[in-house]
Amino acid sequence: MNIDIEKMRDEQLKLAQEVILRDQFDKPKLIAGCDCTFEGERVIASVVLLEYPSMAFVEAKYAVHEDAIPYIPGYLAYREIPTVSAAFAKLKNTPDIIIVDGNGILHPRRIGSASHLGIALDLPTIGVAKKLLMGQVREGKVWVENEIRGFEVKTKDVSNPIYVSPGHKVSLGMALKLVMGCIRPPHKLPEPLHAAHKYANKIRKGQPKDNPQRVEQLVAEA
């Protein structure tokens, strides 16, 4: 597979200029979580849509692509976004906010997978990562040089923290506020992302069916 890293880097730098860090949405009512799981070159993307703030189930969709590019640090969006976009295209409802398993502007070129997806779909996005990609943490804030790019949040005493950063069309403070509003103990991740993560794994194991009630049950069992 011919992969042009330089071309992807140039595109990232260009897209980073389009990222908006202002809240461009009304009071959110629907929040989606999206996640991917992998089997070799096979990418399985799941999207789960929940009501906010109740976290009641609305719908869930998934998509599968067989020939994704390999994982390249800093370029995760190119591996995931085609499949994630295909899953979003199946939704009957449009989310007000999307929480992505990945980074927003907390990225070497300020264009992590959450920011990239936000631009691709023209929707507000927030990145939630399980590991710190870059920067230094001071008093819960992630600093990159002299700029706050995100937050370190410990949602469970016995678990490692998560890292929250705005993706697109969401401000720094609002990204943290919305993620915290979606936390439901005992889960470490915000509920839409937790559900999407578990649902993607169930898809990989061949469990989902097309019946909407069965899908809701599978997500509830997560």
N, C-alpha and C. Protein backbone atom coordinates (compact mmCIF):
# COMPACT_ATOMS: atom_id res chain seq x y z
N MET A 1 0.85 -1.19 0.00
CA MET A 1 0.00 0.00 0.00
C MET A 1 0.89 1.25 0.00
N ASN A 2 0.68 2.11 -0.97
CA ASN A 2 1.47 3.33 -1.10
C ASN A 2 0.88 4.43 -0.23
N ILE A 3 1.61 4.84 0.82
CA ILE A 3 1.13 5.86 1.74
C ILE A 3 2.07 7.06 1.67
N ASP A 4 1.50 8.21 1.34
CA ASP A 4 2.29 9.44 1.21
C ASP A 4 2.16 10.24 2.50
N ILE A 5 3.10 10.03 3.43
CA ILE A 5 3.06 10.70 4.72
C ILE A 5 3.17 12.22 4.56
N GLU A 6 4.02 12.64 3.67
CA GLU A 6 4.22 14.09 3.48
C GLU A 6 2.94 14.76 3.00
N LYS A 7 2.23 14.08 2.11
CA LYS A 7 0.97 14.63 1.61
C LYS A 7 -0.06 14.71 2.73
N MET A 8 -0.13 13.67 3.58
CA MET A 8 -1.08 13.69 4.70
C MET A 8 -0.71 14.78 5.69
N ARG A 9 0.57 14.96 5.94
CA ARG A 9 1.02 16.01 6.85
C ARG A 9 0.63 17.39 6.33
N ASP A 10 0.84 17.63 5.04
CA ASP A 10 0.48 18.92 4.45
C ASP A 10 -1.02 19.15 4.55
N GLU A 11 -1.79 18.08 4.33
CA GLU A 11 -3.24 18.22 4.43
C GLU A 11 -3.66 18.52 5.86
N GLN A 12 -3.02 17.88 6.83
CA GLN A 12 -3.33 18.16 8.23
C GLN A 12 -3.06 19.61 8.58
N LEU A 13 -1.94 20.12 8.15
CA LEU A 13 -1.59 21.51 8.45
C LEU A 13 -2.61 22.47 7.84
N LYS A 14 -3.10 22.13 6.67
CA LYS A 14 -4.11 22.96 6.02
C LYS A 14 -5.44 22.87 6.75
N LEU A 15 -5.85 21.64 7.11
CA LEU A 15 -7.12 21.46 7.81
C LEU A 15 -7.10 22.10 9.19
N ALA A 16 -5.95 22.10 9.84
CA ALA A 16 -5.84 22.68 11.18
C ALA A 16 -6.23 24.15 11.18
N GLN A 17 -6.05 24.81 10.04
CA GLN A 17 -6.43 26.22 9.95
C GLN A 17 -7.95 26.41 9.92
N GLU A 18 -8.68 25.34 9.66
CA GLU A 18 -10.15 25.42 9.59
C GLU A 18 -10.82 25.10 10.92
N VAL A 19 -10.06 24.63 11.89
CA VAL A 19 -10.63 24.25 13.19
C VAL A 19 -11.18 25.49 13.89
N ILE A 20 -12.41 25.38 14.39
CA ILE A 20 -13.07 26.46 15.12
C ILE A 20 -13.16 26.06 16.58
N LEU A 21 -12.68 26.93 17.46
CA LEU A 21 -12.71 26.65 18.90
C LEU A 21 -13.70 27.56 19.61
N ARG A 22 -14.84 27.76 18.98
CA ARG A 22 -15.97 28.48 19.57
C ARG A 22 -17.19 27.57 19.55
N ASP A 23 -18.06 27.73 20.53
CA ASP A 23 -19.27 26.89 20.58
C ASP A 23 -20.22 27.32 19.48
N GLN A 24 -20.45 26.43 18.53
CA GLN A 24 -21.34 26.72 17.41
C GLN A 24 -22.49 25.71 17.41
N PHE A 25 -23.24 25.73 18.49
CA PHE A 25 -24.41 24.87 18.62
C PHE A 25 -25.31 25.45 19.70
N ASP A 26 -26.59 25.09 19.62
CA ASP A 26 -27.54 25.47 20.66
C ASP A 26 -27.42 24.48 21.81
N LYS A 27 -28.31 24.55 22.76
CA LYS A 27 -28.30 23.63 23.88
C LYS A 27 -28.37 22.20 23.34
N PRO A 28 -27.35 21.38 23.62
CA PRO A 28 -27.31 20.04 23.02
C PRO A 28 -28.39 19.12 23.57
N LYS A 29 -29.01 18.38 22.68
CA LYS A 29 -30.03 17.41 23.05
C LYS A 29 -29.63 15.98 22.70
N LEU A 30 -28.76 15.84 21.69
CA LEU A 30 -28.32 14.53 21.25
C LEU A 30 -26.79 14.52 21.17
N ILE A 31 -26.18 13.57 21.87
CA ILE A 31 -24.72 13.45 21.84
C ILE A 31 -24.36 12.05 21.36
N ALA A 32 -23.47 12.00 20.39
CA ALA A 32 -23.02 10.72 19.84
C ALA A 32 -21.64 10.38 20.38
N GLY A 33 -21.39 9.10 20.51
CA GLY A 33 -20.05 8.60 20.77
C GLY A 33 -19.64 7.73 19.60
N CYS A 34 -18.39 7.81 19.18
CA CYS A 34 -17.94 6.94 18.09
C CYS A 34 -16.60 6.32 18.44
N ASP A 35 -16.44 5.08 18.03
CA ASP A 35 -15.22 4.33 18.36
C ASP A 35 -14.97 3.32 17.25
N CYS A 36 -13.73 2.86 17.18
CA CYS A 36 -13.35 1.86 16.19
C CYS A 36 -12.63 0.71 16.86
N THR A 37 -12.80 -0.47 16.30
CA THR A 37 -12.01 -1.63 16.69
C THR A 37 -11.43 -2.23 15.41
N PHE A 38 -10.37 -3.01 15.55
CA PHE A 38 -9.62 -3.44 14.38
C PHE A 38 -9.35 -4.93 14.41
N GLU A 39 -9.32 -5.50 13.21
CA GLU A 39 -8.87 -6.88 12.99
C GLU A 39 -7.98 -6.85 11.75
N GLY A 40 -6.67 -6.73 11.97
CA GLY A 40 -5.77 -6.58 10.85
C GLY A 40 -6.05 -5.29 10.12
N GLU A 41 -6.37 -5.38 8.83
CA GLU A 41 -6.70 -4.19 8.04
C GLU A 41 -8.19 -3.90 8.05
N ARG A 42 -8.94 -4.66 8.79
CA ARG A 42 -10.41 -4.49 8.86
C ARG A 42 -10.75 -3.50 9.97
N VAL A 43 -11.50 -2.46 9.62
CA VAL A 43 -11.91 -1.44 10.58
C VAL A 43 -13.41 -1.54 10.80
N ILE A 44 -13.81 -1.59 12.07
CA ILE A 44 -15.22 -1.62 12.45
C ILE A 44 -15.50 -0.36 13.24
N ALA A 45 -16.38 0.49 12.73
CA ALA A 45 -16.72 1.75 13.39
C ALA A 45 -18.14 1.69 13.92
N SER A 46 -18.32 2.13 15.14
CA SER A 46 -19.66 2.18 15.73
C SER A 46 -19.99 3.60 16.17
N VAL A 47 -21.26 3.94 16.05
CA VAL A 47 -21.76 5.23 16.52
C VAL A 47 -23.00 4.97 17.36
N VAL A 48 -23.00 5.49 18.57
CA VAL A 48 -24.16 5.36 19.46
C VAL A 48 -24.64 6.76 19.80
N LEU A 49 -25.93 6.99 19.62
CA LEU A 49 -26.53 8.31 19.85
C LEU A 49 -27.41 8.24 21.10
N LEU A 50 -27.13 9.14 22.05
CA LEU A 50 -27.88 9.19 23.31
C LEU A 50 -28.47 10.58 23.53
N GLU A 51 -29.56 10.62 24.27
CA GLU A 51 -30.13 11.91 24.66
C GLU A 51 -29.25 12.55 25.73
N TYR A 52 -29.22 13.87 25.72
CA TYR A 52 -28.48 14.60 26.74
C TYR A 52 -29.44 15.52 27.48
N PRO A 53 -29.41 15.54 28.83
CA PRO A 53 -28.44 14.89 29.70
C PRO A 53 -28.86 13.52 30.24
N SER A 54 -30.01 12.99 29.81
CA SER A 54 -30.51 11.75 30.42
C SER A 54 -29.67 10.53 30.06
N MET A 55 -28.98 10.58 28.94
CA MET A 55 -28.20 9.45 28.40
C MET A 55 -29.10 8.29 27.99
N ALA A 56 -30.34 8.59 27.65
CA ALA A 56 -31.26 7.57 27.14
C ALA A 56 -30.86 7.20 25.71
N PHE A 57 -31.00 5.93 25.38
CA PHE A 57 -30.63 5.42 24.06
C PHE A 57 -31.55 6.00 22.97
N VAL A 58 -30.96 6.39 21.85
CA VAL A 58 -31.72 6.86 20.69
C VAL A 58 -31.52 5.91 19.51
N GLU A 59 -30.29 5.71 19.09
CA GLU A 59 -30.02 4.77 18.00
C GLU A 59 -28.52 4.45 17.94
N ALA A 60 -28.19 3.39 17.22
CA ALA A 60 -26.80 2.99 17.03
C ALA A 60 -26.63 2.41 15.63
N LYS A 61 -25.51 2.74 15.01
CA LYS A 61 -25.19 2.24 13.68
C LYS A 61 -23.72 1.85 13.63
N TYR A 62 -23.38 1.04 12.62
CA TYR A 62 -21.98 0.69 12.45
C TYR A 62 -21.67 0.52 10.97
N ALA A 63 -20.38 0.52 10.67
CA ALA A 63 -19.91 0.28 9.30
C ALA A 63 -18.60 -0.51 9.38
N VAL A 64 -18.30 -1.23 8.32
CA VAL A 64 -17.08 -2.04 8.26
C VAL A 64 -16.37 -1.77 6.93
N HIS A 65 -15.08 -1.48 7.01
CA HIS A 65 -14.24 -1.37 5.82
C HIS A 65 -13.11 -2.39 5.93
N GLU A 66 -12.82 -3.04 4.82
CA GLU A 66 -11.88 -4.16 4.85
C GLU A 66 -10.42 -3.76 4.63
N ASP A 67 -10.17 -2.64 3.98
CA ASP A 67 -8.80 -2.34 3.56
C ASP A 67 -8.36 -0.96 4.05
N ALA A 68 -8.22 -0.81 5.34
CA ALA A 68 -7.74 0.46 5.90
C ALA A 68 -6.22 0.52 5.83
N ILE A 69 -5.70 1.73 5.89
CA ILE A 69 -4.24 1.87 5.94
C ILE A 69 -3.75 1.42 7.32
N PRO A 70 -2.49 1.05 7.45
CA PRO A 70 -1.96 0.67 8.77
C PRO A 70 -1.98 1.86 9.73
N TYR A 71 -1.87 1.56 11.01
CA TYR A 71 -1.80 2.63 12.01
C TYR A 71 -0.47 3.36 11.89
N ILE A 72 -0.54 4.69 11.80
CA ILE A 72 0.64 5.54 11.76
C ILE A 72 0.46 6.59 12.84
N PRO A 73 1.33 6.65 13.85
CA PRO A 73 1.16 7.64 14.92
C PRO A 73 1.01 9.06 14.37
N GLY A 74 -0.01 9.75 14.87
CA GLY A 74 -0.27 11.12 14.42
C GLY A 74 -1.20 11.22 13.23
N TYR A 75 -1.52 10.07 12.61
CA TYR A 75 -2.36 10.06 11.41
C TYR A 75 -3.52 9.07 11.55
N LEU A 76 -4.00 8.91 12.77
CA LEU A 76 -5.07 7.94 13.03
C LEU A 76 -6.33 8.24 12.23
N ALA A 77 -6.60 9.53 11.99
CA ALA A 77 -7.82 9.91 11.27
C ALA A 77 -7.90 9.26 9.90
N TYR A 78 -6.77 9.10 9.24
CA TYR A 78 -6.78 8.53 7.89
C TYR A 78 -7.12 7.04 7.92
N ARG A 79 -6.91 6.41 9.03
CA ARG A 79 -7.25 4.98 9.18
C ARG A 79 -8.72 4.80 9.54
N GLU A 80 -9.28 5.76 10.30
CA GLU A 80 -10.61 5.56 10.87
C GLU A 80 -11.74 6.32 10.18
N ILE A 81 -11.48 7.55 9.73
CA ILE A 81 -12.57 8.43 9.32
C ILE A 81 -13.43 7.90 8.16
N PRO A 82 -12.87 7.24 7.16
CA PRO A 82 -13.75 6.72 6.10
C PRO A 82 -14.83 5.78 6.65
N THR A 83 -14.46 4.93 7.60
CA THR A 83 -15.43 3.98 8.16
C THR A 83 -16.38 4.68 9.13
N VAL A 84 -15.84 5.58 9.95
CA VAL A 84 -16.69 6.33 10.88
C VAL A 84 -17.72 7.16 10.11
N SER A 85 -17.30 7.80 9.04
CA SER A 85 -18.22 8.61 8.24
C SER A 85 -19.33 7.75 7.64
N ALA A 86 -18.98 6.54 7.22
CA ALA A 86 -19.98 5.62 6.66
C ALA A 86 -21.01 5.24 7.72
N ALA A 87 -20.56 5.05 8.96
CA ALA A 87 -21.50 4.73 10.05
C ALA A 87 -22.41 5.92 10.34
N PHE A 88 -21.86 7.13 10.36
CA PHE A 88 -22.68 8.32 10.62
C PHE A 88 -23.72 8.53 9.53
N ALA A 89 -23.39 8.17 8.30
CA ALA A 89 -24.33 8.36 7.19
C ALA A 89 -25.59 7.52 7.36
N LYS A 90 -25.54 6.49 8.20
CA LYS A 90 -26.68 5.62 8.42
C LYS A 90 -27.64 6.14 9.50
N LEU A 91 -27.20 7.12 10.28
CA LEU A 91 -28.04 7.63 11.37
C LEU A 91 -29.30 8.30 10.84
N LYS A 92 -30.40 8.11 11.55
CA LYS A 92 -31.64 8.81 11.22
C LYS A 92 -31.66 10.21 11.83
N ASN A 93 -30.92 10.38 12.93
CA ASN A 93 -30.87 11.66 13.63
C ASN A 93 -29.47 12.25 13.53
N THR A 94 -29.40 13.58 13.59
CA THR A 94 -28.11 14.27 13.56
C THR A 94 -27.71 14.68 14.96
N PRO A 95 -26.56 14.26 15.43
CA PRO A 95 -26.13 14.64 16.78
C PRO A 95 -25.77 16.11 16.86
N ASP A 96 -25.96 16.69 18.04
CA ASP A 96 -25.52 18.06 18.28
C ASP A 96 -24.03 18.10 18.58
N ILE A 97 -23.53 17.04 19.23
CA ILE A 97 -22.13 16.92 19.60
C ILE A 97 -21.69 15.48 19.35
N ILE A 98 -20.43 15.32 18.96
CA ILE A 98 -19.85 13.99 18.80
C ILE A 98 -18.64 13.88 19.72
N ILE A 99 -18.61 12.84 20.53
CA ILE A 99 -17.45 12.55 21.36
C ILE A 99 -16.67 11.43 20.68
N VAL A 100 -15.41 11.71 20.38
CA VAL A 100 -14.59 10.81 19.58
C VAL A 100 -13.51 10.16 20.45
N ASP A 101 -13.27 8.88 20.20
CA ASP A 101 -12.15 8.20 20.87
C ASP A 101 -10.86 8.62 20.18
N GLY A 102 -10.27 9.69 20.68
CA GLY A 102 -9.06 10.24 20.08
C GLY A 102 -8.86 11.67 20.56
N ASN A 103 -7.95 12.36 19.95
CA ASN A 103 -7.65 13.73 20.35
C ASN A 103 -8.27 14.76 19.42
N GLY A 104 -8.47 15.94 19.98
CA GLY A 104 -8.86 17.10 19.19
C GLY A 104 -7.62 17.88 18.82
N ILE A 105 -7.50 19.09 19.41
CA ILE A 105 -6.33 19.92 19.11
C ILE A 105 -5.11 19.49 19.93
N LEU A 106 -5.27 18.52 20.81
CA LEU A 106 -4.13 18.00 21.57
C LEU A 106 -3.37 17.02 20.68
N HIS A 107 -2.67 17.59 19.72
CA HIS A 107 -2.06 16.84 18.62
C HIS A 107 -0.90 17.68 18.08
N PRO A 108 0.17 17.07 17.61
CA PRO A 108 1.33 17.84 17.15
C PRO A 108 1.00 18.89 16.09
N ARG A 109 -0.01 18.63 15.27
CA ARG A 109 -0.39 19.59 14.23
C ARG A 109 -1.78 20.16 14.48
N ARG A 110 -2.27 20.01 15.72
CA ARG A 110 -3.56 20.57 16.15
C ARG A 110 -4.74 19.99 15.38
N ILE A 111 -4.61 18.76 14.90
CA ILE A 111 -5.67 18.18 14.07
C ILE A 111 -5.75 16.68 14.32
N GLY A 112 -6.08 16.33 15.58
CA GLY A 112 -6.31 14.93 15.91
C GLY A 112 -7.57 14.41 15.24
N SER A 113 -7.88 13.15 15.45
CA SER A 113 -9.00 12.52 14.75
C SER A 113 -10.34 13.19 15.07
N ALA A 114 -10.50 13.74 16.29
CA ALA A 114 -11.76 14.42 16.62
C ALA A 114 -11.92 15.70 15.81
N SER A 115 -10.84 16.47 15.68
CA SER A 115 -10.90 17.69 14.87
C SER A 115 -11.10 17.36 13.40
N HIS A 116 -10.40 16.34 12.93
CA HIS A 116 -10.51 15.93 11.54
C HIS A 116 -11.94 15.49 11.21
N LEU A 117 -12.53 14.70 12.10
CA LEU A 117 -13.90 14.24 11.87
C LEU A 117 -14.89 15.40 11.91
N GLY A 118 -14.68 16.34 12.83
CA GLY A 118 -15.57 17.50 12.92
C GLY A 118 -15.60 18.30 11.63
N ILE A 119 -14.44 18.48 11.04
CA ILE A 119 -14.37 19.20 9.76
C ILE A 119 -15.02 18.38 8.65
N ALA A 120 -14.75 17.08 8.64
CA ALA A 120 -15.30 16.22 7.59
C ALA A 120 -16.83 16.20 7.61
N LEU A 121 -17.42 16.16 8.82
CA LEU A 121 -18.88 16.08 8.96
C LEU A 121 -19.52 17.44 9.17
N ASP A 122 -18.71 18.46 9.39
CA ASP A 122 -19.19 19.81 9.70
C ASP A 122 -20.09 19.80 10.94
N LEU A 123 -19.60 19.12 12.00
CA LEU A 123 -20.33 19.00 13.25
C LEU A 123 -19.39 19.25 14.43
N PRO A 124 -19.92 19.72 15.56
CA PRO A 124 -19.09 19.92 16.75
C PRO A 124 -18.57 18.58 17.29
N THR A 125 -17.29 18.55 17.63
CA THR A 125 -16.68 17.33 18.13
C THR A 125 -15.79 17.60 19.34
N ILE A 126 -15.63 16.56 20.16
CA ILE A 126 -14.76 16.60 21.32
C ILE A 126 -13.91 15.34 21.30
N GLY A 127 -12.63 15.47 21.60
CA GLY A 127 -11.76 14.32 21.67
C GLY A 127 -11.58 13.84 23.10
N VAL A 128 -11.66 12.54 23.31
CA VAL A 128 -11.38 11.92 24.61
C VAL A 128 -10.40 10.79 24.37
N ALA A 129 -9.18 10.95 24.88
CA ALA A 129 -8.13 9.96 24.69
C ALA A 129 -7.79 9.28 26.01
N LYS A 130 -7.35 8.04 25.91
CA LYS A 130 -7.00 7.28 27.12
C LYS A 130 -5.54 7.45 27.50
N LYS A 131 -4.73 8.00 26.58
CA LYS A 131 -3.32 8.24 26.87
C LYS A 131 -2.95 9.66 26.46
N LEU A 132 -1.97 10.21 27.14
CA LEU A 132 -1.51 11.57 26.83
C LEU A 132 -0.56 11.52 25.64
N LEU A 133 -0.97 12.15 24.56
CA LEU A 133 -0.18 12.14 23.34
C LEU A 133 1.00 13.09 23.42
N MET A 134 0.78 14.23 24.05
CA MET A 134 1.83 15.25 24.11
C MET A 134 1.49 16.25 25.21
N GLY A 135 2.45 17.11 25.52
CA GLY A 135 2.21 18.17 26.48
C GLY A 135 2.57 17.78 27.90
N GLN A 136 2.41 18.74 28.80
CA GLN A 136 2.67 18.55 30.22
C GLN A 136 1.42 18.89 31.01
N VAL A 137 1.14 18.10 32.02
CA VAL A 137 -0.05 18.30 32.85
C VAL A 137 0.32 19.09 34.09
N ARG A 138 -0.39 20.19 34.29
CA ARG A 138 -0.22 21.00 35.49
C ARG A 138 -1.60 21.38 36.02
N GLU A 139 -1.89 20.90 37.22
CA GLU A 139 -3.18 21.18 37.87
C GLU A 139 -4.36 20.82 36.98
N GLY A 140 -4.27 19.68 36.34
CA GLY A 140 -5.37 19.17 35.54
C GLY A 140 -5.46 19.72 34.13
N LYS A 141 -4.61 20.67 33.79
CA LYS A 141 -4.60 21.24 32.44
C LYS A 141 -3.41 20.69 31.67
N VAL A 142 -3.64 20.42 30.39
CA VAL A 142 -2.56 19.94 29.53
C VAL A 142 -2.01 21.12 28.74
N TRP A 143 -0.76 21.43 29.02
CA TRP A 143 -0.10 22.56 28.37
C TRP A 143 0.80 22.06 27.25
N VAL A 144 0.76 22.74 26.13
CA VAL A 144 1.71 22.54 25.05
C VAL A 144 2.38 23.89 24.83
N GLU A 145 3.63 23.97 25.24
CA GLU A 145 4.34 25.25 25.30
C GLU A 145 3.55 26.19 26.22
N ASN A 146 3.04 27.29 25.70
CA ASN A 146 2.33 28.25 26.55
C ASN A 146 0.82 28.24 26.32
N GLU A 147 0.31 27.16 25.80
CA GLU A 147 -1.11 27.07 25.45
C GLU A 147 -1.76 25.88 26.14
N ILE A 148 -2.96 26.08 26.68
CA ILE A 148 -3.74 24.96 27.22
C ILE A 148 -4.45 24.29 26.04
N ARG A 149 -4.18 23.02 25.84
CA ARG A 149 -4.79 22.29 24.72
C ARG A 149 -5.85 21.29 25.18
N GLY A 150 -5.92 21.02 26.49
CA GLY A 150 -6.88 20.04 26.96
C GLY A 150 -6.80 19.87 28.46
N PHE A 151 -7.45 18.82 28.95
CA PHE A 151 -7.56 18.58 30.39
C PHE A 151 -7.29 17.10 30.70
N GLU A 152 -6.66 16.88 31.84
CA GLU A 152 -6.54 15.53 32.39
C GLU A 152 -7.64 15.35 33.42
N VAL A 153 -8.46 14.31 33.25
CA VAL A 153 -9.62 14.11 34.11
C VAL A 153 -9.59 12.69 34.68
N LYS A 154 -9.64 12.58 35.97
CA LYS A 154 -9.70 11.26 36.62
C LYS A 154 -11.15 11.01 37.01
N THR A 155 -11.80 10.11 36.30
CA THR A 155 -13.22 9.84 36.52
C THR A 155 -13.46 8.68 37.47
N LYS A 156 -12.40 7.87 37.72
CA LYS A 156 -12.50 6.75 38.66
C LYS A 156 -11.22 6.68 39.48
N ASP A 157 -11.37 6.47 40.77
CA ASP A 157 -10.20 6.44 41.65
C ASP A 157 -9.22 5.34 41.27
N VAL A 158 -9.74 4.23 40.76
CA VAL A 158 -8.88 3.07 40.49
C VAL A 158 -8.45 2.97 39.03
N SER A 159 -8.76 3.99 38.23
CA SER A 159 -8.44 3.95 36.80
C SER A 159 -7.50 5.10 36.41
N ASN A 160 -6.82 4.92 35.31
CA ASN A 160 -6.00 6.00 34.77
C ASN A 160 -6.89 7.13 34.27
N PRO A 161 -6.37 8.33 34.18
CA PRO A 161 -7.19 9.46 33.73
C PRO A 161 -7.48 9.40 32.24
N ILE A 162 -8.41 10.24 31.82
CA ILE A 162 -8.68 10.45 30.40
C ILE A 162 -8.24 11.87 30.05
N TYR A 163 -8.09 12.13 28.76
CA TYR A 163 -7.60 13.43 28.30
C TYR A 163 -8.60 14.03 27.32
N VAL A 164 -9.14 15.16 27.70
CA VAL A 164 -10.23 15.80 26.96
C VAL A 164 -9.70 17.02 26.21
N SER A 165 -10.02 17.12 24.94
CA SER A 165 -9.64 18.31 24.17
C SER A 165 -10.72 18.64 23.15
N PRO A 166 -10.92 19.94 22.87
CA PRO A 166 -11.91 20.31 21.87
C PRO A 166 -11.49 19.84 20.49
N GLY A 167 -12.47 19.41 19.71
CA GLY A 167 -12.18 18.98 18.35
C GLY A 167 -12.46 20.07 17.34
N HIS A 168 -13.74 20.44 17.20
CA HIS A 168 -14.15 21.43 16.21
C HIS A 168 -15.49 22.01 16.66
N LYS A 169 -15.62 23.31 16.54
CA LYS A 169 -16.86 24.03 16.86
C LYS A 169 -17.27 23.88 18.32
N VAL A 170 -16.28 23.62 19.19
CA VAL A 170 -16.50 23.52 20.63
C VAL A 170 -15.35 24.24 21.32
N SER A 171 -15.67 25.03 22.35
CA SER A 171 -14.64 25.74 23.09
C SER A 171 -13.95 24.80 24.08
N LEU A 172 -12.81 25.24 24.57
CA LEU A 172 -12.03 24.45 25.51
C LEU A 172 -12.84 24.12 26.76
N GLY A 173 -13.43 25.13 27.37
CA GLY A 173 -14.19 24.92 28.60
C GLY A 173 -15.44 24.09 28.40
N MET A 174 -16.14 24.32 27.28
CA MET A 174 -17.36 23.57 27.02
C MET A 174 -17.06 22.10 26.74
N ALA A 175 -15.93 21.82 26.13
CA ALA A 175 -15.56 20.42 25.89
C ALA A 175 -15.48 19.67 27.21
N LEU A 176 -14.84 20.27 28.19
CA LEU A 176 -14.73 19.62 29.50
C LEU A 176 -16.09 19.52 30.17
N LYS A 177 -16.88 20.57 30.11
CA LYS A 177 -18.19 20.58 30.76
C LYS A 177 -19.10 19.49 30.20
N LEU A 178 -19.13 19.33 28.89
CA LEU A 178 -20.01 18.33 28.28
C LEU A 178 -19.54 16.91 28.58
N VAL A 179 -18.25 16.70 28.54
CA VAL A 179 -17.74 15.35 28.86
C VAL A 179 -18.09 15.00 30.29
N MET A 180 -17.90 15.92 31.22
CA MET A 180 -18.22 15.64 32.61
C MET A 180 -19.72 15.40 32.78
N GLY A 181 -20.53 16.08 31.98
CA GLY A 181 -21.98 15.89 32.04
C GLY A 181 -22.43 14.54 31.52
N CYS A 182 -21.52 13.85 30.82
CA CYS A 182 -21.84 12.52 30.26
C CYS A 182 -21.25 11.37 31.07
N ILE A 183 -20.54 11.67 32.14
CA ILE A 183 -19.95 10.61 32.95
C ILE A 183 -21.03 9.97 33.82
N ARG A 184 -21.10 8.65 33.76
CA ARG A 184 -22.06 7.90 34.57
C ARG A 184 -21.30 6.77 35.28
N PRO A 185 -21.00 6.94 36.57
CA PRO A 185 -20.30 5.87 37.32
C PRO A 185 -21.08 4.55 37.21
N PRO A 186 -20.39 3.42 37.16
CA PRO A 186 -18.96 3.25 37.39
C PRO A 186 -18.09 3.34 36.14
N HIS A 187 -18.64 3.83 35.03
CA HIS A 187 -17.89 3.84 33.78
C HIS A 187 -16.84 4.95 33.78
N LYS A 188 -15.68 4.64 33.28
CA LYS A 188 -14.59 5.61 33.20
C LYS A 188 -14.81 6.62 32.10
N LEU A 189 -15.30 6.17 30.95
CA LEU A 189 -15.48 7.03 29.79
C LEU A 189 -16.85 7.71 29.83
N PRO A 190 -17.00 8.86 29.16
CA PRO A 190 -18.34 9.44 29.01
C PRO A 190 -19.27 8.43 28.36
N GLU A 191 -20.52 8.43 28.77
CA GLU A 191 -21.44 7.36 28.42
C GLU A 191 -21.57 7.11 26.91
N PRO A 192 -21.68 8.14 26.05
CA PRO A 192 -21.78 7.85 24.62
C PRO A 192 -20.56 7.10 24.09
N LEU A 193 -19.39 7.46 24.58
CA LEU A 193 -18.16 6.80 24.13
C LEU A 193 -18.04 5.40 24.72
N HIS A 194 -18.43 5.24 25.96
CA HIS A 194 -18.44 3.91 26.59
C HIS A 194 -19.33 2.96 25.80
N ALA A 195 -20.53 3.43 25.47
CA ALA A 195 -21.47 2.58 24.73
C ALA A 195 -20.94 2.24 23.34
N ALA A 196 -20.34 3.22 22.67
CA ALA A 196 -19.81 2.98 21.33
C ALA A 196 -18.65 1.99 21.38
N HIS A 197 -17.82 2.10 22.40
CA HIS A 197 -16.68 1.18 22.55
C HIS A 197 -17.16 -0.26 22.73
N LYS A 198 -18.12 -0.46 23.62
CA LYS A 198 -18.64 -1.79 23.87
C LYS A 198 -19.40 -2.33 22.66
N TYR A 199 -20.12 -1.45 21.98
CA TYR A 199 -20.89 -1.87 20.82
C TYR A 199 -19.96 -2.30 19.69
N ALA A 200 -18.86 -1.57 19.49
CA ALA A 200 -17.90 -1.95 18.45
C ALA A 200 -17.33 -3.34 18.72
N ASN A 201 -17.06 -3.63 19.97
CA ASN A 201 -16.54 -4.95 20.31
C ASN A 201 -17.58 -6.05 20.07
N LYS A 202 -18.84 -5.74 20.33
CA LYS A 202 -19.90 -6.72 20.07
C LYS A 202 -20.05 -6.96 18.57
N ILE A 203 -19.89 -5.90 17.77
CA ILE A 203 -19.95 -6.06 16.32
C ILE A 203 -18.83 -7.00 15.86
N ARG A 204 -17.63 -6.78 16.39
CA ARG A 204 -16.48 -7.61 16.03
C ARG A 204 -16.73 -9.08 16.35
N LYS A 205 -17.49 -9.31 17.42
CA LYS A 205 -17.79 -10.69 17.82
C LYS A 205 -19.01 -11.25 17.10
N GLY A 206 -19.60 -10.45 16.21
CA GLY A 206 -20.70 -10.93 15.40
C GLY A 206 -22.05 -10.93 16.09
N GLN A 207 -22.23 -10.12 17.13
CA GLN A 207 -23.47 -10.16 17.89
C GLN A 207 -24.60 -9.28 17.35
N PRO A 208 -24.33 -8.08 16.79
CA PRO A 208 -25.44 -7.19 16.42
C PRO A 208 -26.36 -7.77 15.35
N LYS A 209 -27.61 -7.40 15.43
CA LYS A 209 -28.61 -7.71 14.41
C LYS A 209 -29.20 -6.39 13.95
N ASP A 210 -29.99 -6.44 12.86
CA ASP A 210 -30.59 -5.22 12.34
C ASP A 210 -31.80 -4.76 13.15
N ASN A 211 -32.35 -5.65 13.96
CA ASN A 211 -33.53 -5.29 14.75
C ASN A 211 -33.18 -4.18 15.74
N PRO A 212 -33.88 -3.01 15.67
CA PRO A 212 -33.54 -1.88 16.55
C PRO A 212 -33.62 -2.23 18.03
N GLN A 213 -34.60 -3.05 18.42
CA GLN A 213 -34.72 -3.42 19.82
C GLN A 213 -33.53 -4.25 20.28
N ARG A 214 -33.05 -5.12 19.41
CA ARG A 214 -31.89 -5.94 19.74
C ARG A 214 -30.64 -5.07 19.86
N VAL A 215 -30.50 -4.08 18.97
CA VAL A 215 -29.36 -3.16 19.05
C VAL A 215 -29.38 -2.41 20.36
N GLU A 216 -30.55 -1.89 20.75
CA GLU A 216 -30.66 -1.16 22.02
C GLU A 216 -30.29 -2.07 23.19
N GLN A 217 -30.73 -3.32 23.13
CA GLN A 217 -30.41 -4.26 24.19
C GLN A 217 -28.90 -4.49 24.29
N LEU A 218 -28.25 -4.65 23.13
CA LEU A 218 -26.82 -4.85 23.13
C LEU A 218 -26.07 -3.67 23.71
N VAL A 219 -26.51 -2.47 23.36
CA VAL A 219 -25.87 -1.27 23.89
C VAL A 219 -26.13 -1.17 25.39
N ALA A 220 -27.35 -1.48 25.81
CA ALA A 220 -27.67 -1.43 27.25
C ALA A 220 -26.84 -2.42 28.03
N GLU A 221 -26.56 -3.57 27.43
CA GLU A 221 -25.75 -4.58 28.10
C GLU A 221 -24.29 -4.17 28.24
N ALA A 222 -23.90 -3.15 27.48
CA ALA A 222 -22.51 -2.66 27.57
C ALA A 222 -22.25 -2.02 28.90
